[in-house]
């Protein structure tokens, strides 16, 4: 799945050659993170499409945050959005939404109740 995640992340990010090494590592980390969050009764192949998209989105979010914004390139046209933090968070939320049926909760907190 690693190569498929990387291919999708390249497409979504418009990553240049100078960002390739970072994107490869981000994709590996994203795959490992999502695999670790899967419920015990779910394998990555069972939610393949969502898994691939979520891992790629997480990797692109990491790259976006490091860039300080998103960059999309189509032919000779390049569009850059300067708000990397907002875009990265939106990508992470979308990945969480896609994987929600297959994973355990990302965070769990106990909150005290005053009596």
N, C-alpha and C. Protein backbone atom coordinates (compact mmCIF):
# COMPACT_ATOMS: atom_id res chain seq x y z
N UNK A 1 0.82 -1.20 0.00
CA UNK A 1 0.00 0.00 0.00
C UNK A 1 0.86 1.26 0.00
N UNK A 2 2.08 1.12 0.47
CA UNK A 2 2.95 2.28 0.63
C UNK A 2 3.13 3.06 -0.68
N UNK A 3 3.35 2.34 -1.76
CA UNK A 3 3.56 3.02 -3.04
C UNK A 3 2.29 3.71 -3.53
N UNK A 4 1.14 3.09 -3.27
CA UNK A 4 -0.13 3.71 -3.66
C UNK A 4 -0.40 4.98 -2.86
N UNK A 5 -0.07 4.95 -1.58
CA UNK A 5 -0.24 6.13 -0.74
C UNK A 5 0.66 7.25 -1.26
N UNK A 6 1.90 6.91 -1.56
CA UNK A 6 2.86 7.90 -2.06
C UNK A 6 2.41 8.49 -3.39
N UNK A 7 1.92 7.65 -4.29
CA UNK A 7 1.44 8.14 -5.59
C UNK A 7 0.28 9.11 -5.41
N UNK A 8 -0.65 8.77 -4.55
CA UNK A 8 -1.80 9.64 -4.29
C UNK A 8 -1.34 10.94 -3.62
N UNK A 9 -0.43 10.84 -2.66
CA UNK A 9 0.07 12.03 -1.97
C UNK A 9 0.81 12.96 -2.93
N UNK A 10 1.57 12.38 -3.85
CA UNK A 10 2.25 13.21 -4.87
C UNK A 10 1.23 14.00 -5.68
N UNK A 11 0.18 13.32 -6.09
CA UNK A 11 -0.87 13.95 -6.90
C UNK A 11 -1.56 15.07 -6.12
N UNK A 12 -1.91 14.80 -4.88
CA UNK A 12 -2.63 15.78 -4.08
C UNK A 12 -1.77 16.98 -3.69
N UNK A 13 -0.49 16.75 -3.48
CA UNK A 13 0.38 17.80 -2.96
C UNK A 13 1.09 18.61 -4.03
N UNK A 14 1.27 18.04 -5.20
CA UNK A 14 2.07 18.72 -6.20
C UNK A 14 3.52 18.83 -5.76
N UNK A 15 3.97 17.88 -4.95
CA UNK A 15 5.32 17.92 -4.39
C UNK A 15 6.38 17.91 -5.48
N UNK A 16 7.38 18.73 -5.29
CA UNK A 16 8.51 18.78 -6.21
C UNK A 16 9.58 17.77 -5.81
N UNK A 17 10.59 17.65 -6.64
CA UNK A 17 11.67 16.70 -6.37
C UNK A 17 12.36 17.00 -5.05
N UNK A 18 12.45 18.27 -4.69
CA UNK A 18 13.12 18.65 -3.45
C UNK A 18 12.31 18.24 -2.21
N UNK A 19 11.06 17.89 -2.39
CA UNK A 19 10.20 17.48 -1.28
C UNK A 19 9.96 15.97 -1.23
N UNK A 20 10.51 15.26 -2.19
CA UNK A 20 10.25 13.83 -2.33
C UNK A 20 10.64 13.03 -1.09
N UNK A 21 11.81 13.25 -0.56
CA UNK A 21 12.26 12.49 0.61
C UNK A 21 11.34 12.72 1.80
N UNK A 22 10.94 13.95 2.01
CA UNK A 22 10.03 14.27 3.12
C UNK A 22 8.68 13.60 2.90
N UNK A 23 8.18 13.64 1.67
CA UNK A 23 6.88 13.04 1.38
C UNK A 23 6.90 11.53 1.58
N UNK A 24 7.98 10.89 1.19
CA UNK A 24 8.12 9.44 1.39
C UNK A 24 8.04 9.10 2.88
N UNK A 25 8.76 9.84 3.70
CA UNK A 25 8.74 9.60 5.14
C UNK A 25 7.37 9.89 5.75
N UNK A 26 6.74 10.97 5.31
CA UNK A 26 5.41 11.32 5.80
C UNK A 26 4.39 10.24 5.44
N UNK A 27 4.50 9.68 4.25
CA UNK A 27 3.59 8.60 3.84
C UNK A 27 3.79 7.35 4.67
N UNK A 28 5.05 7.00 4.93
CA UNK A 28 5.33 5.82 5.76
C UNK A 28 4.78 6.03 7.17
N UNK A 29 4.99 7.21 7.71
CA UNK A 29 4.50 7.50 9.06
C UNK A 29 2.97 7.48 9.10
N UNK A 30 2.33 8.02 8.08
CA UNK A 30 0.87 8.04 8.04
C UNK A 30 0.31 6.63 7.95
N UNK A 31 0.92 5.79 7.12
CA UNK A 31 0.46 4.40 7.00
C UNK A 31 0.59 3.68 8.34
N UNK A 32 1.70 3.87 9.00
CA UNK A 32 1.93 3.23 10.30
C UNK A 32 0.92 3.74 11.34
N UNK A 33 0.69 5.05 11.35
CA UNK A 33 -0.24 5.63 12.32
C UNK A 33 -1.66 5.10 12.11
N UNK A 34 -2.12 5.07 10.87
CA UNK A 34 -3.49 4.58 10.61
C UNK A 34 -3.61 3.09 10.89
N UNK A 35 -2.57 2.33 10.56
CA UNK A 35 -2.60 0.90 10.86
C UNK A 35 -2.73 0.67 12.36
N UNK A 36 -2.02 1.47 13.13
CA UNK A 36 -2.08 1.36 14.58
C UNK A 36 -3.41 1.76 15.19
N UNK A 37 -4.15 2.58 14.49
CA UNK A 37 -5.44 3.04 15.01
C UNK A 37 -6.62 2.16 14.58
N UNK A 38 -6.39 1.24 13.66
CA UNK A 38 -7.48 0.38 13.22
C UNK A 38 -8.01 -0.46 14.38
N UNK A 39 -9.32 -0.64 14.39
CA UNK A 39 -9.92 -1.53 15.37
C UNK A 39 -9.29 -2.92 15.20
N UNK A 40 -9.34 -3.71 16.25
CA UNK A 40 -8.74 -5.05 16.21
C UNK A 40 -9.35 -5.95 15.15
N UNK A 41 -10.62 -5.72 14.81
CA UNK A 41 -11.30 -6.58 13.85
C UNK A 41 -11.21 -6.07 12.41
N UNK A 42 -10.39 -5.04 12.17
CA UNK A 42 -10.28 -4.44 10.83
C UNK A 42 -8.85 -4.50 10.33
N UNK A 43 -8.68 -4.96 9.11
CA UNK A 43 -7.39 -4.96 8.43
C UNK A 43 -7.39 -3.84 7.38
N UNK A 44 -6.22 -3.29 7.04
CA UNK A 44 -6.17 -2.20 6.05
C UNK A 44 -6.86 -2.53 4.73
N UNK A 45 -6.78 -3.78 4.29
CA UNK A 45 -7.40 -4.16 3.02
C UNK A 45 -8.92 -4.07 3.05
N UNK A 46 -9.51 -4.20 4.24
CA UNK A 46 -10.96 -4.15 4.37
C UNK A 46 -11.51 -2.74 4.16
N UNK A 47 -10.68 -1.75 4.37
CA UNK A 47 -11.10 -0.35 4.18
C UNK A 47 -10.11 0.34 3.25
N UNK A 48 -9.68 -0.38 2.25
CA UNK A 48 -8.59 0.03 1.36
C UNK A 48 -8.71 1.45 0.83
N UNK A 49 -9.84 1.80 0.23
CA UNK A 49 -9.98 3.11 -0.38
C UNK A 49 -9.88 4.23 0.65
N UNK A 50 -10.59 4.07 1.76
CA UNK A 50 -10.54 5.07 2.82
C UNK A 50 -9.14 5.14 3.41
N UNK A 51 -8.52 3.99 3.61
CA UNK A 51 -7.18 3.94 4.19
C UNK A 51 -6.17 4.67 3.32
N UNK A 52 -6.19 4.38 2.02
CA UNK A 52 -5.25 5.03 1.10
C UNK A 52 -5.45 6.54 1.10
N UNK A 53 -6.68 6.97 1.01
CA UNK A 53 -6.98 8.41 0.98
C UNK A 53 -6.58 9.08 2.30
N UNK A 54 -6.92 8.46 3.41
CA UNK A 54 -6.62 9.05 4.72
C UNK A 54 -5.11 9.16 4.93
N UNK A 55 -4.38 8.12 4.60
CA UNK A 55 -2.92 8.17 4.77
C UNK A 55 -2.30 9.24 3.88
N UNK A 56 -2.77 9.32 2.63
CA UNK A 56 -2.24 10.34 1.72
C UNK A 56 -2.59 11.74 2.22
N UNK A 57 -3.82 11.93 2.69
CA UNK A 57 -4.22 13.24 3.22
C UNK A 57 -3.38 13.63 4.42
N UNK A 58 -3.08 12.69 5.31
CA UNK A 58 -2.24 12.99 6.48
C UNK A 58 -0.84 13.39 6.04
N UNK A 59 -0.29 12.67 5.06
CA UNK A 59 1.04 13.00 4.58
C UNK A 59 1.05 14.39 3.94
N UNK A 60 0.06 14.68 3.14
CA UNK A 60 -0.03 15.99 2.49
C UNK A 60 -0.22 17.09 3.53
N UNK A 61 -0.98 16.80 4.58
CA UNK A 61 -1.16 17.77 5.66
C UNK A 61 0.18 18.09 6.32
N UNK A 62 0.99 17.07 6.54
CA UNK A 62 2.31 17.29 7.11
C UNK A 62 3.19 18.12 6.21
N UNK A 63 3.15 17.83 4.92
CA UNK A 63 3.93 18.60 3.95
C UNK A 63 3.43 20.03 3.87
N UNK A 64 2.12 20.18 3.87
CA UNK A 64 1.51 21.51 3.82
C UNK A 64 1.92 22.36 5.02
N UNK A 65 1.91 21.76 6.19
CA UNK A 65 2.29 22.48 7.40
C UNK A 65 3.75 22.91 7.34
N UNK A 66 4.59 22.06 6.77
CA UNK A 66 6.01 22.40 6.68
C UNK A 66 6.27 23.48 5.64
N UNK A 67 5.41 23.56 4.65
CA UNK A 67 5.55 24.58 3.61
C UNK A 67 5.03 25.93 4.08
N UNK A 68 4.10 25.87 5.01
CA UNK A 68 3.42 27.11 5.40
C UNK A 68 2.20 27.34 4.54
N UNK A 69 1.81 26.38 3.70
CA UNK A 69 0.63 26.53 2.86
C UNK A 69 0.53 25.42 1.84
N UNK A 70 -0.60 25.36 1.17
CA UNK A 70 -0.82 24.36 0.13
C UNK A 70 -0.38 24.91 -1.21
N UNK A 71 0.09 24.02 -2.06
CA UNK A 71 0.48 24.41 -3.41
C UNK A 71 -0.05 23.37 -4.37
N UNK A 72 -0.78 23.84 -5.37
CA UNK A 72 -1.30 22.95 -6.40
C UNK A 72 -0.72 23.38 -7.73
N UNK A 73 -0.27 22.43 -8.52
CA UNK A 73 0.31 22.73 -9.82
C UNK A 73 -0.41 21.93 -10.89
N UNK A 74 -0.78 22.61 -11.96
CA UNK A 74 -1.40 21.96 -13.12
C UNK A 74 -0.74 22.56 -14.37
N UNK A 75 0.13 21.79 -14.98
CA UNK A 75 0.85 22.31 -16.13
C UNK A 75 1.75 23.45 -15.74
N UNK A 76 1.56 24.61 -16.38
CA UNK A 76 2.38 25.78 -16.10
C UNK A 76 1.78 26.68 -15.03
N UNK A 77 0.62 26.31 -14.50
CA UNK A 77 -0.07 27.14 -13.52
C UNK A 77 0.15 26.57 -12.12
N UNK A 78 0.54 27.43 -11.19
CA UNK A 78 0.75 27.03 -9.81
C UNK A 78 -0.01 27.97 -8.90
N UNK A 79 -0.77 27.40 -7.96
CA UNK A 79 -1.55 28.19 -7.01
C UNK A 79 -1.06 27.84 -5.61
N UNK A 80 -0.74 28.86 -4.82
CA UNK A 80 -0.27 28.64 -3.46
C UNK A 80 -1.19 29.35 -2.48
N UNK A 81 -1.60 28.63 -1.44
CA UNK A 81 -2.39 29.22 -0.36
C UNK A 81 -1.47 29.37 0.83
N UNK A 82 -1.37 30.56 1.41
CA UNK A 82 -0.41 30.80 2.48
C UNK A 82 -0.79 30.24 3.85
N UNK A 83 -2.01 29.84 4.06
CA UNK A 83 -2.45 29.41 5.39
C UNK A 83 -2.31 27.91 5.58
N UNK A 84 -1.06 27.45 5.70
CA UNK A 84 -0.78 26.03 5.81
C UNK A 84 -1.41 25.35 7.00
N UNK A 85 -1.46 26.03 8.15
CA UNK A 85 -2.04 25.43 9.34
C UNK A 85 -3.50 25.10 9.18
N UNK A 86 -4.27 26.03 8.61
CA UNK A 86 -5.70 25.80 8.41
C UNK A 86 -5.92 24.68 7.41
N UNK A 87 -5.17 24.69 6.33
CA UNK A 87 -5.32 23.66 5.31
C UNK A 87 -4.91 22.30 5.82
N UNK A 88 -3.82 22.24 6.57
CA UNK A 88 -3.37 20.97 7.12
C UNK A 88 -4.42 20.40 8.07
N UNK A 89 -5.00 21.24 8.89
CA UNK A 89 -6.03 20.78 9.82
C UNK A 89 -7.27 20.28 9.07
N UNK A 90 -7.65 20.97 8.01
CA UNK A 90 -8.80 20.53 7.21
C UNK A 90 -8.53 19.17 6.57
N UNK A 91 -7.31 18.94 6.11
CA UNK A 91 -6.95 17.66 5.52
C UNK A 91 -6.99 16.55 6.57
N UNK A 92 -6.50 16.85 7.76
CA UNK A 92 -6.53 15.86 8.84
C UNK A 92 -7.96 15.52 9.25
N UNK A 93 -8.81 16.54 9.30
CA UNK A 93 -10.22 16.28 9.65
C UNK A 93 -10.88 15.40 8.61
N UNK A 94 -10.60 15.64 7.35
CA UNK A 94 -11.18 14.82 6.28
C UNK A 94 -10.69 13.37 6.39
N UNK A 95 -9.42 13.19 6.69
CA UNK A 95 -8.88 11.84 6.88
C UNK A 95 -9.58 11.15 8.05
N UNK A 96 -9.76 11.87 9.14
CA UNK A 96 -10.46 11.31 10.30
C UNK A 96 -11.89 10.92 9.94
N UNK A 97 -12.56 11.76 9.16
CA UNK A 97 -13.94 11.47 8.74
C UNK A 97 -13.99 10.19 7.90
N UNK A 98 -13.05 10.05 6.99
CA UNK A 98 -13.02 8.86 6.13
C UNK A 98 -12.79 7.58 6.93
N UNK A 99 -11.95 7.66 7.94
CA UNK A 99 -11.57 6.47 8.69
C UNK A 99 -12.42 6.21 9.93
N UNK A 100 -13.32 7.12 10.25
CA UNK A 100 -14.12 7.01 11.46
C UNK A 100 -14.75 5.64 11.68
N UNK A 101 -15.32 5.01 10.65
CA UNK A 101 -15.97 3.70 10.89
C UNK A 101 -14.99 2.56 11.19
N UNK A 102 -13.70 2.79 10.95
CA UNK A 102 -12.73 1.69 11.03
C UNK A 102 -11.73 1.79 12.17
N UNK A 103 -11.70 2.90 12.88
CA UNK A 103 -10.66 3.12 13.87
C UNK A 103 -11.21 3.33 15.27
N UNK A 104 -10.30 3.21 16.22
CA UNK A 104 -10.64 3.57 17.60
C UNK A 104 -10.54 5.09 17.70
N UNK A 105 -11.12 5.65 18.72
CA UNK A 105 -11.11 7.11 18.89
C UNK A 105 -9.68 7.62 18.99
N UNK A 106 -9.43 8.77 18.36
CA UNK A 106 -8.10 9.36 18.37
C UNK A 106 -7.72 9.84 19.76
N UNK A 107 -8.67 10.41 20.43
CA UNK A 107 -8.40 10.95 21.76
C UNK A 107 -9.53 10.53 22.70
N UNK A 108 -9.15 10.31 23.92
CA UNK A 108 -10.16 10.03 24.94
C UNK A 108 -9.73 10.76 26.19
N UNK A 109 -10.61 11.54 26.73
CA UNK A 109 -10.27 12.31 27.92
C UNK A 109 -11.34 12.13 28.97
N UNK A 110 -10.90 12.02 30.21
CA UNK A 110 -11.81 12.06 31.33
C UNK A 110 -11.96 13.51 31.74
N UNK A 111 -13.15 13.93 32.01
CA UNK A 111 -13.38 15.30 32.47
C UNK A 111 -14.03 15.23 33.83
N UNK A 112 -13.53 16.05 34.73
CA UNK A 112 -14.09 16.09 36.07
C UNK A 112 -15.40 16.87 36.07
N UNK A 113 -16.30 16.42 36.89
CA UNK A 113 -17.59 17.10 37.04
C UNK A 113 -17.68 17.60 38.47
N UNK A 114 -17.93 18.87 38.59
CA UNK A 114 -18.05 19.43 39.94
C UNK A 114 -19.37 19.02 40.56
N UNK A 115 -19.30 18.67 41.82
CA UNK A 115 -20.50 18.18 42.49
C UNK A 115 -21.21 19.21 43.29
